[in-house]
PDB file of N, CA and C in Angstrom:
ATOM      1  N   MET A   1     -35.095 -68.271  -4.331  1.00  0.00           N
ATOM      2  CA  MET A   1     -36.569 -68.124  -4.309  1.00  0.00           C
ATOM      3  C   MET A   1     -37.074 -68.246  -2.892  1.00  0.00           C
ATOM      4  N   TRP A   2     -37.981 -67.350  -2.536  1.00  0.00           N
ATOM      5  CA  TRP A   2     -38.602 -67.463  -1.209  1.00  0.00           C
ATOM      6  C   TRP A   2     -40.090 -67.523  -1.338  1.00  0.00           C
ATOM      7  N   TRP A   3     -40.732 -68.022  -0.333  1.00  0.00           N
ATOM      8  CA  TRP A   3     -42.187 -68.164  -0.327  1.00  0.00           C
ATOM      9  C   TRP A   3     -42.783 -67.281   0.754  1.00  0.00           C
ATOM     10  N   PRO A   4     -43.787 -66.504   0.463  1.00  0.00           N
ATOM     11  CA  PRO A   4     -44.399 -65.688   1.497  1.00  0.00           C
ATOM     12  C   PRO A   4     -45.007 -66.540   2.496  1.00  0.00           C
ATOM     13  N   CYS A   5     -44.607 -66.380   3.750  1.00  0.00           N
ATOM     14  CA  CYS A   5     -45.023 -67.232   4.829  1.00  0.00           C
ATOM     15  C   CYS A   5     -44.722 -66.565   6.141  1.00  0.00           C
ATOM     16  N   GLU A   6     -45.093 -67.160   7.242  1.00  0.00           N
ATOM     17  CA  GLU A   6     -44.859 -66.563   8.540  1.00  0.00           C
ATOM     18  C   GLU A   6     -43.462 -66.961   9.076  1.00  0.00           C
ATOM     19  N   TRP A   7     -42.471 -66.344   8.432  1.00  0.00           N
ATOM     20  CA  TRP A   7     -41.024 -66.669   8.819  1.00  0.00           C
ATOM     21  C   TRP A   7     -40.715 -66.174  10.181  1.00  0.00           C
ATOM     22  N   GLU A   8     -41.434 -65.067  10.579  1.00  0.00           N
ATOM     23  CA  GLU A   8     -41.095 -64.555  11.911  1.00  0.00           C
ATOM     24  C   GLU A   8     -41.446 -65.545  13.021  1.00  0.00           C
ATOM     25  N   ALA A   9     -42.209 -66.522  12.717  1.00  0.00           N
ATOM     26  CA  ALA A   9     -42.544 -67.585  13.723  1.00  0.00           C
ATOM     27  C   ALA A   9     -41.323 -68.308  14.144  1.00  0.00           C
ATOM     28  N   PHE A  10     -40.242 -68.233  13.351  1.00  0.00           N
ATOM     29  CA  PHE A  10     -39.018 -68.930  13.674  1.00  0.00           C
ATOM     30  C   PHE A  10     -38.015 -68.045  14.451  1.00  0.00           C
ATOM     31  N   GLY A  11     -38.413 -66.800  14.709  1.00  0.00           N
ATOM     32  CA  GLY A  11     -37.558 -65.864  15.437  1.00  0.00           C
ATOM     33  C   GLY A  11     -36.584 -65.182  14.541  1.00  0.00           C
ATOM     34  N   VAL A  12     -36.617 -65.441  13.261  1.00  0.00           N
ATOM     35  CA  VAL A  12     -35.667 -64.820  12.284  1.00  0.00           C
ATOM     36  C   VAL A  12     -36.500 -64.556  11.023  1.00  0.00           C
ATOM     37  N   ALA A  13     -36.233 -63.375  10.480  1.00  0.00           N
ATOM     38  CA  ALA A  13     -36.868 -63.065   9.223  1.00  0.00           C
ATOM     39  C   ALA A  13     -36.178 -63.856   8.134  1.00  0.00           C
ATOM     40  N   TYR A  14     -36.913 -64.442   7.234  1.00  0.00           N
ATOM     41  CA  TYR A  14     -36.384 -65.270   6.126  1.00  0.00           C
ATOM     42  C   TYR A  14     -35.558 -64.403   5.187  1.00  0.00           C
ATOM     43  N   GLN A  15     -34.425 -64.892   4.789  1.00  0.00           N
ATOM     44  CA  GLN A  15     -33.598 -64.249   3.820  1.00  0.00           C
ATOM     45  C   GLN A  15     -33.153 -65.333   2.828  1.00  0.00           C
ATOM     46  N   PRO A  16     -33.478 -65.154   1.527  1.00  0.00           N
ATOM     47  CA  PRO A  16     -33.208 -66.174   0.552  1.00  0.00           C
ATOM     48  C   PRO A  16     -31.755 -66.497   0.297  1.00  0.00           C
ATOM     49  N   SER A  17     -30.866 -65.526   0.363  1.00  0.00           N
ATOM     50  CA  SER A  17     -29.434 -65.808   0.217  1.00  0.00           C
ATOM     51  C   SER A  17     -28.626 -64.732   0.870  1.00  0.00           C
ATOM     52  N   SER A  18     -27.315 -65.012   0.986  1.00  0.00           N
ATOM     53  CA  SER A  18     -26.432 -64.018   1.564  1.00  0.00           C
ATOM     54  C   SER A  18     -26.193 -62.869   0.619  1.00  0.00           C
ATOM     55  N   SER A  19     -26.559 -63.001  -0.644  1.00  0.00           N
ATOM     56  CA  SER A  19     -26.345 -61.943  -1.596  1.00  0.00           C
ATOM     57  C   SER A  19     -27.497 -60.968  -1.640  1.00  0.00           C
ATOM     58  N   ALA A  20     -28.492 -61.076  -0.790  1.00  0.00           N
ATOM     59  CA  ALA A  20     -29.563 -60.135  -0.761  1.00  0.00           C
ATOM     60  C   ALA A  20     -29.061 -58.739  -0.431  1.00  0.00           C
ATOM     61  N   ALA A  21     -29.351 -57.799  -1.256  1.00  0.00           N
ATOM     62  CA  ALA A  21     -28.763 -56.498  -1.158  1.00  0.00           C
ATOM     63  C   ALA A  21     -29.452 -55.676  -0.029  1.00  0.00           C
ATOM     64  N   GLY A  22     -28.614 -55.018   0.794  1.00  0.00           N
ATOM     65  CA  GLY A  22     -29.102 -54.058   1.779  1.00  0.00           C
ATOM     66  C   GLY A  22     -29.770 -54.695   2.993  1.00  0.00           C
ATOM     67  N   SER A  23     -29.523 -55.960   3.275  1.00  0.00           N
ATOM     68  CA  SER A  23     -30.143 -56.560   4.409  1.00  0.00           C
ATOM     69  C   SER A  23     -29.093 -56.912   5.446  1.00  0.00           C
ATOM     70  N   SER A  24     -29.367 -56.701   6.743  1.00  0.00           N
ATOM     71  CA  SER A  24     -28.456 -57.013   7.772  1.00  0.00           C
ATOM     72  C   SER A  24     -28.892 -58.252   8.590  1.00  0.00           C
ATOM     73  N   LEU A  25     -29.921 -58.923   8.088  1.00  0.00           N
ATOM     74  CA  LEU A  25     -30.420 -60.102   8.776  1.00  0.00           C
ATOM     75  C   LEU A  25     -29.640 -61.324   8.406  1.00  0.00           C
ATOM     76  N   PRO A  26     -29.307 -62.268   9.342  1.00  0.00           N
ATOM     77  CA  PRO A  26     -28.622 -63.469   8.990  1.00  0.00           C
ATOM     78  C   PRO A  26     -29.539 -64.451   8.258  1.00  0.00           C
ATOM     79  N   PRO A  27     -28.930 -65.268   7.403  1.00  0.00           N
ATOM     80  CA  PRO A  27     -29.738 -66.296   6.714  1.00  0.00           C
ATOM     81  C   PRO A  27     -30.193 -67.346   7.695  1.00  0.00           C
ATOM     82  N   LEU A  28     -31.242 -68.077   7.301  1.00  0.00           N
ATOM     83  CA  LEU A  28     -31.747 -69.126   8.168  1.00  0.00           C
ATOM     84  C   LEU A  28     -30.734 -70.288   8.286  1.00  0.00           C
ATOM     85  N   SER A  29     -30.697 -70.900   9.436  1.00  0.00           N
ATOM     86  CA  SER A  29     -29.805 -72.092   9.593  1.00  0.00           C
ATOM     87  C   SER A  29     -30.488 -73.265   8.887  1.00  0.00           C
ATOM     88  N   ARG A  30     -29.822 -74.334   8.734  1.00  0.00           N
ATOM     89  CA  ARG A  30     -30.352 -75.542   8.065  1.00  0.00           C
ATOM     90  C   ARG A  30     -31.608 -76.026   8.749  1.00  0.00           C
ATOM     91  N   PRO A  31     -31.594 -76.216  10.097  1.00  0.00           N
ATOM     92  CA  PRO A  31     -32.843 -76.631  10.773  1.00  0.00           C
ATOM     93  C   PRO A  31     -33.960 -75.691  10.623  1.00  0.00           C
ATOM     94  N   GLN A  32     -33.681 -74.361  10.613  1.00  0.00           N
ATOM     95  CA  GLN A  32     -34.727 -73.368  10.411  1.00  0.00           C
ATOM     96  C   GLN A  32     -35.263 -73.372   9.043  1.00  0.00           C
ATOM     97  N   LEU A  33     -34.437 -73.586   8.020  1.00  0.00           N
ATOM     98  CA  LEU A  33     -34.852 -73.698   6.621  1.00  0.00           C
ATOM     99  C   LEU A  33     -35.673 -74.939   6.436  1.00  0.00           C
ATOM    100  N   ALA A  34     -35.302 -76.012   7.023  1.00  0.00           N
ATOM    101  CA  ALA A  34     -36.114 -77.267   6.900  1.00  0.00           C
ATOM    102  C   ALA A  34     -37.424 -77.090   7.458  1.00  0.00           C
ATOM    103  N   GLU A  35     -37.521 -76.433   8.656  1.00  0.00           N
ATOM    104  CA  GLU A  35     -38.874 -76.265   9.235  1.00  0.00           C
ATOM    105  C   GLU A  35     -39.670 -75.238   8.426  1.00  0.00           C
ATOM    106  N   ALA A  36     -39.015 -74.255   7.880  1.00  0.00           N
ATOM    107  CA  ALA A  36     -39.732 -73.259   6.977  1.00  0.00           C
ATOM    108  C   ALA A  36     -40.353 -74.009   5.716  1.00  0.00           C
ATOM    109  N   ARG A  37     -39.612 -74.960   5.216  1.00  0.00           N
ATOM    110  CA  ARG A  37     -40.155 -75.751   4.138  1.00  0.00           C
ATOM    111  C   ARG A  37     -41.421 -76.525   4.480  1.00  0.00           C
ATOM    112  N   ARG A  38     -41.353 -77.131   5.709  1.00  0.00           N
ATOM    113  CA  ARG A  38     -42.531 -77.819   6.198  1.00  0.00           C
ATOM    114  C   ARG A  38     -43.700 -76.928   6.488  1.00  0.00           C
ATOM    115  N   VAL A  39     -43.450 -75.774   6.958  1.00  0.00           N
ATOM    116  CA  VAL A  39     -44.531 -74.769   7.239  1.00  0.00           C
ATOM    117  C   VAL A  39     -45.153 -74.361   5.889  1.00  0.00           C
ATOM    118  N   ARG A  40     -44.337 -74.123   4.892  1.00  0.00           N
ATOM    119  CA  ARG A  40     -44.871 -73.764   3.579  1.00  0.00           C
ATOM    120  C   ARG A  40     -45.641 -74.957   3.035  1.00  0.00           C
ATOM    121  N   ALA A  41     -45.153 -76.181   3.225  1.00  0.00           N
ATOM    122  CA  ALA A  41     -45.916 -77.374   2.758  1.00  0.00           C
ATOM    123  C   ALA A  41     -47.290 -77.438   3.405  1.00  0.00           C
ATOM    124  N   VAL A  42     -47.404 -77.098   4.683  1.00  0.00           N
ATOM    125  CA  VAL A  42     -48.685 -77.123   5.384  1.00  0.00           C
ATOM    126  C   VAL A  42     -49.632 -76.120   4.797  1.00  0.00           C
ATOM    127  N   GLU A  43     -49.094 -74.943   4.466  1.00  0.00           N
ATOM    128  CA  GLU A  43     -49.908 -73.929   3.822  1.00  0.00           C
ATOM    129  C   GLU A  43     -50.470 -74.432   2.498  1.00  0.00           C
ATOM    130  N   LEU A  44     -49.632 -75.142   1.777  1.00  0.00           N
ATOM    131  CA  LEU A  44     -50.078 -75.688   0.462  1.00  0.00           C
ATOM    132  C   LEU A  44     -51.015 -76.887   0.672  1.00  0.00           C
ATOM    133  N   PHE A  45     -50.838 -77.693   1.731  1.00  0.00           N
ATOM    134  CA  PHE A  45     -51.730 -78.781   2.043  1.00  0.00           C
ATOM    135  C   PHE A  45     -53.204 -78.188   2.146  1.00  0.00           C
ATOM    136  N   GLU A  46     -53.246 -77.108   2.958  1.00  0.00           N
ATOM    137  CA  GLU A  46     -54.485 -76.468   3.258  1.00  0.00           C
ATOM    138  C   GLU A  46     -55.168 -75.858   2.023  1.00  0.00           C
ATOM    139  N   GLU A  47     -54.355 -75.479   1.055  1.00  0.00           N
ATOM    140  CA  GLU A  47     -54.893 -74.938  -0.162  1.00  0.00           C
ATOM    141  C   GLU A  47     -55.275 -75.997  -1.144  1.00  0.00           C
ATOM    142  N   GLY A  48     -54.983 -77.252  -0.849  1.00  0.00           N
ATOM    143  CA  GLY A  48     -55.391 -78.354  -1.691  1.00  0.00           C
ATOM    144  C   GLY A  48     -54.382 -78.708  -2.823  1.00  0.00           C
ATOM    145  N   ALA A  49     -53.152 -78.286  -2.683  1.00  0.00           N
ATOM    146  CA  ALA A  49     -52.109 -78.558  -3.687  1.00  0.00           C
ATOM    147  C   ALA A  49     -51.755 -80.085  -3.725  1.00  0.00           C
ATOM    148  N   SER A  50     -51.338 -80.547  -4.809  1.00  0.00           N
ATOM    149  CA  SER A  50     -50.930 -81.958  -4.892  1.00  0.00           C
ATOM    150  C   SER A  50     -49.487 -82.141  -4.300  1.00  0.00           C
ATOM    151  N   ASN A  51     -49.138 -83.333  -3.968  1.00  0.00           N
ATOM    152  CA  ASN A  51     -47.831 -83.604  -3.414  1.00  0.00           C
ATOM    153  C   ASN A  51     -46.725 -83.210  -4.394  1.00  0.00           C
ATOM    154  N   ALA A  52     -46.945 -83.456  -5.666  1.00  0.00           N
ATOM    155  CA  ALA A  52     -45.910 -83.096  -6.710  1.00  0.00           C
ATOM    156  C   ALA A  52     -45.757 -81.554  -6.790  1.00  0.00           C
ATOM    157  N   GLU A  53     -46.862 -80.859  -6.702  1.00  0.00           N
ATOM    158  CA  GLU A  53     -46.809 -79.401  -6.779  1.00  0.00           C
ATOM    159  C   GLU A  53     -46.044 -78.882  -5.521  1.00  0.00           C
ATOM    160  N   ILE A  54     -46.339 -79.440  -4.400  1.00  0.00           N
ATOM    161  CA  ILE A  54     -45.699 -79.006  -3.128  1.00  0.00           C
ATOM    162  C   ILE A  54     -44.207 -79.299  -3.181  1.00  0.00           C
ATOM    163  N   ALA A  55     -43.877 -80.492  -3.646  1.00  0.00           N
ATOM    164  CA  ALA A  55     -42.455 -80.898  -3.743  1.00  0.00           C
ATOM    165  C   ALA A  55     -41.626 -79.889  -4.666  1.00  0.00           C
ATOM    166  N   ARG A  56     -42.270 -79.558  -5.775  1.00  0.00           N
ATOM    167  CA  ARG A  56     -41.539 -78.557  -6.665  1.00  0.00           C
ATOM    168  C   ARG A  56     -41.461 -77.196  -6.003  1.00  0.00           C
ATOM    169  N   ALA A  57     -42.535 -76.806  -5.262  1.00  0.00           N
ATOM    170  CA  ALA A  57     -42.563 -75.423  -4.704  1.00  0.00           C
ATOM    171  C   ALA A  57     -41.543 -75.272  -3.564  1.00  0.00           C
ATOM    172  N   VAL A  58     -41.339 -76.324  -2.765  1.00  0.00           N
ATOM    173  CA  VAL A  58     -40.458 -76.186  -1.604  1.00  0.00           C
ATOM    174  C   VAL A  58     -39.074 -76.795  -1.872  1.00  0.00           C
ATOM    175  N   GLY A  59     -38.914 -77.484  -3.035  1.00  0.00           N
ATOM    176  CA  GLY A  59     -37.554 -77.995  -3.374  1.00  0.00           C
ATOM    177  C   GLY A  59     -37.143 -79.329  -2.654  1.00  0.00           C
ATOM    178  N   VAL A  60     -38.138 -80.177  -2.462  1.00  0.00           N
ATOM    179  CA  VAL A  60     -37.809 -81.510  -1.890  1.00  0.00           C
ATOM    180  C   VAL A  60     -38.429 -82.572  -2.795  1.00  0.00           C
ATOM    181  N   CYS A  61     -38.122 -83.861  -2.487  1.00  0.00           N
ATOM    182  CA  CYS A  61     -38.703 -84.982  -3.268  1.00  0.00           C
ATOM    183  C   CYS A  61     -40.146 -85.196  -2.792  1.00  0.00           C
ATOM    184  N   ALA A  62     -40.882 -85.862  -3.681  1.00  0.00           N
ATOM    185  CA  ALA A  62     -42.313 -86.132  -3.404  1.00  0.00           C
ATOM    186  C   ALA A  62     -42.442 -87.027  -2.234  1.00  0.00           C
ATOM    187  N   GLU A  63     -41.524 -87.934  -1.969  1.00  0.00           N
ATOM    188  CA  GLU A  63     -41.634 -88.844  -0.840  1.00  0.00           C
ATOM    189  C   GLU A  63     -41.578 -88.083   0.449  1.00  0.00           C
ATOM    190  N   SER A  64     -40.758 -87.023   0.563  1.00  0.00           N
ATOM    191  CA  SER A  64     -40.761 -86.217   1.771  1.00  0.00           C
ATOM    192  C   SER A  64     -42.132 -85.549   1.981  1.00  0.00           C
ATOM    193  N   VAL A  65     -42.734 -85.120   0.911  1.00  0.00           N
ATOM    194  CA  VAL A  65     -44.024 -84.469   1.033  1.00  0.00           C
ATOM    195  C   VAL A  65     -45.062 -85.471   1.464  1.00  0.00           C
ATOM    196  N   ARG A  66     -45.047 -86.709   0.880  1.00  0.00           N
ATOM    197  CA  ARG A  66     -45.973 -87.738   1.314  1.00  0.00           C
ATOM    198  C   ARG A  66     -45.821 -88.006   2.833  1.00  0.00           C
ATOM    199  N   ARG A  67     -44.595 -88.080   3.301  1.00  0.00           N
ATOM    200  CA  ARG A  67     -44.384 -88.333   4.732  1.00  0.00           C
ATOM    201  C   ARG A  67     -44.888 -87.201   5.620  1.00  0.00           C
ATOM    202  N   TRP A  68     -44.624 -85.900   5.179  1.00  0.00           N
ATOM    203  CA  TRP A  68     -45.117 -84.778   5.869  1.00  0.00           C
ATOM    204  C   TRP A  68     -46.626 -84.761   5.873  1.00  0.00           C
ATOM    205  N   ARG A  69     -47.264 -85.124   4.746  1.00  0.00           N
ATOM    206  CA  ARG A  69     -48.735 -85.067   4.707  1.00  0.00           C
ATOM    207  C   ARG A  69     -49.303 -86.106   5.680  1.00  0.00           C
ATOM    208  N   ARG A  70     -48.714 -87.300   5.797  1.00  0.00           N
ATOM    209  CA  ARG A  70     -49.188 -88.289   6.743  1.00  0.00           C
ATOM    210  C   ARG A  70     -49.129 -87.733   8.216  1.00  0.00           C
ATOM    211  N   VAL A  71     -48.019 -87.149   8.578  1.00  0.00           N
ATOM    212  CA  VAL A  71     -47.856 -86.571   9.831  1.00  0.00           C
ATOM    213  C   VAL A  71     -48.834 -85.475  10.073  1.00  0.00           C
ATOM    214  N   TRP A  72     -49.017 -84.607   9.111  1.00  0.00           N
ATOM    215  CA  TRP A  72     -49.909 -83.505   9.171  1.00  0.00           C
ATOM    216  C   TRP A  72     -51.385 -83.986   9.350  1.00  0.00           C
ATOM    217  N   GLU A  73     -51.740 -85.025   8.653  1.00  0.00           N
ATOM    218  CA  GLU A  73     -53.110 -85.556   8.801  1.00  0.00           C
ATOM    219  C   GLU A  73     -53.362 -86.183  10.133  1.00  0.00           C
ATOM    220  N   GLN A  74     -52.312 -86.774  10.752  1.00  0.00           N
ATOM    221  CA  GLN A  74     -52.439 -87.385  12.078  1.00  0.00           C
ATOM    222  C   GLN A  74     -52.371 -86.355  13.245  1.00  0.00           C
ATOM    223  N   ASP A  75     -51.333 -85.495  13.163  1.00  0.00           N
ATOM    224  CA  ASP A  75     -51.001 -84.602  14.273  1.00  0.00           C
ATOM    225  C   ASP A  75     -51.199 -83.113  14.026  1.00  0.00           C
ATOM    226  N   GLY A  76     -51.572 -82.787  12.787  1.00  0.00           N
ATOM    227  CA  GLY A  76     -51.713 -81.377  12.443  1.00  0.00           C
ATOM    228  C   GLY A  76     -50.339 -80.679  12.292  1.00  0.00           C
ATOM    229  N   ALA A  77     -50.439 -79.398  12.068  1.00  0.00           N
ATOM    230  CA  ALA A  77     -49.183 -78.610  11.836  1.00  0.00           C
ATOM    231  C   ALA A  77     -48.158 -78.728  12.971  1.00  0.00           C
ATOM    232  N   PRO A  78     -48.584 -78.815  14.242  1.00  0.00           N
ATOM    233  CA  PRO A  78     -47.567 -78.947  15.286  1.00  0.00           C
ATOM    234  C   PRO A  78     -46.709 -80.230  15.158  1.00  0.00           C
ATOM    235  N   GLY A  79     -47.219 -81.241  14.559  1.00  0.00           N
ATOM    236  CA  GLY A  79     -46.430 -82.470  14.367  1.00  0.00           C
ATOM    237  C   GLY A  79     -45.280 -82.259  13.427  1.00  0.00           C
ATOM    238  N   LEU A  80     -45.269 -81.220  12.639  1.00  0.00           N
ATOM    239  CA  LEU A  80     -44.201 -80.965  11.734  1.00  0.00           C
ATOM    240  C   LEU A  80     -43.160 -79.908  12.217  1.00  0.00           C
ATOM    241  N   ARG A  81     -43.436 -79.441  13.429  1.00  0.00           N
ATOM    242  CA  ARG A  81     -42.489 -78.474  14.026  1.00  0.00           C
ATOM    243  C   ARG A  81     -41.178 -79.078  14.375  1.00  0.00           C
ATOM    244  N   ARG A  82     -40.180 -78.310  14.393  1.00  0.00           N
ATOM    245  CA  ARG A  82     -38.802 -78.797  14.743  1.00  0.00           C
ATOM    246  C   ARG A  82     -38.790 -79.209  16.213  1.00  0.00           C
ATOM    247  N   ARG A  83     -38.137 -80.350  16.458  1.00  0.00           N
ATOM    248  CA  ARG A  83     -37.992 -80.834  17.807  1.00  0.00           C
ATOM    249  C   ARG A  83     -36.573 -80.508  18.294  1.00  0.00           C
ATOM    250  N   SER A  84     -36.416 -80.370  19.569  1.00  0.00           N
ATOM    251  CA  SER A  84     -35.065 -80.072  20.078  1.00  0.00           C
ATOM    252  C   SER A  84     -34.203 -81.338  19.980  1.00  0.00           C
ATOM    253  N   ALA A  85     -32.951 -81.132  19.888  1.00  0.00           N
ATOM    254  CA  ALA A  85     -31.995 -82.268  19.733  1.00  0.00           C
ATOM    255  C   ALA A  85     -32.041 -83.090  20.984  1.00  0.00           C
ATOM    256  N   THR A  86     -31.889 -84.439  20.779  1.00  0.00           N
ATOM    257  CA  THR A  86     -31.847 -85.299  21.923  1.00  0.00           C
ATOM    258  C   THR A  86     -30.357 -85.618  22.220  1.00  0.00           C
ATOM    259  N   GLY A  87     -30.201 -86.200  23.398  1.00  0.00           N
ATOM    260  CA  GLY A  87     -28.849 -86.594  23.810  1.00  0.00           C
ATOM    261  C   GLY A  87     -28.187 -85.524  24.577  1.00  0.00           C
ATOM    262  N   ARG A  88     -26.909 -85.785  24.814  1.00  0.00           N
ATOM    263  CA  ARG A  88     -26.072 -84.846  25.673  1.00  0.00           C
ATOM    264  C   ARG A  88     -25.762 -83.578  24.912  1.00  0.00           C
ATOM    265  N   PRO A  89     -25.924 -82.446  25.544  1.00  0.00           N
ATOM    266  CA  PRO A  89     -25.663 -81.161  24.863  1.00  0.00           C
ATOM    267  C   PRO A  89     -24.144 -80.931  24.628  1.00  0.00           C
TER     268      PRO A  89
END
């Protein structure tokens, strides 16, 4: 299942699975998929969806959505963007 969203913002077009016929684009990595879920959640926050509805739509538990909503209310959508890894490369 995929959600219509601005996947190109991640530098990669979203592809729901490796079995998608006729596509040469690579699937999203785990960090990209996690960020895509949060971006979709923000879209649903702005539409007024409940935490339970958002959790079902993006495939996470309601507690994750509550945490994302708190961050979104404090810092906005940029607060939910992926951060670079810390520590030694």
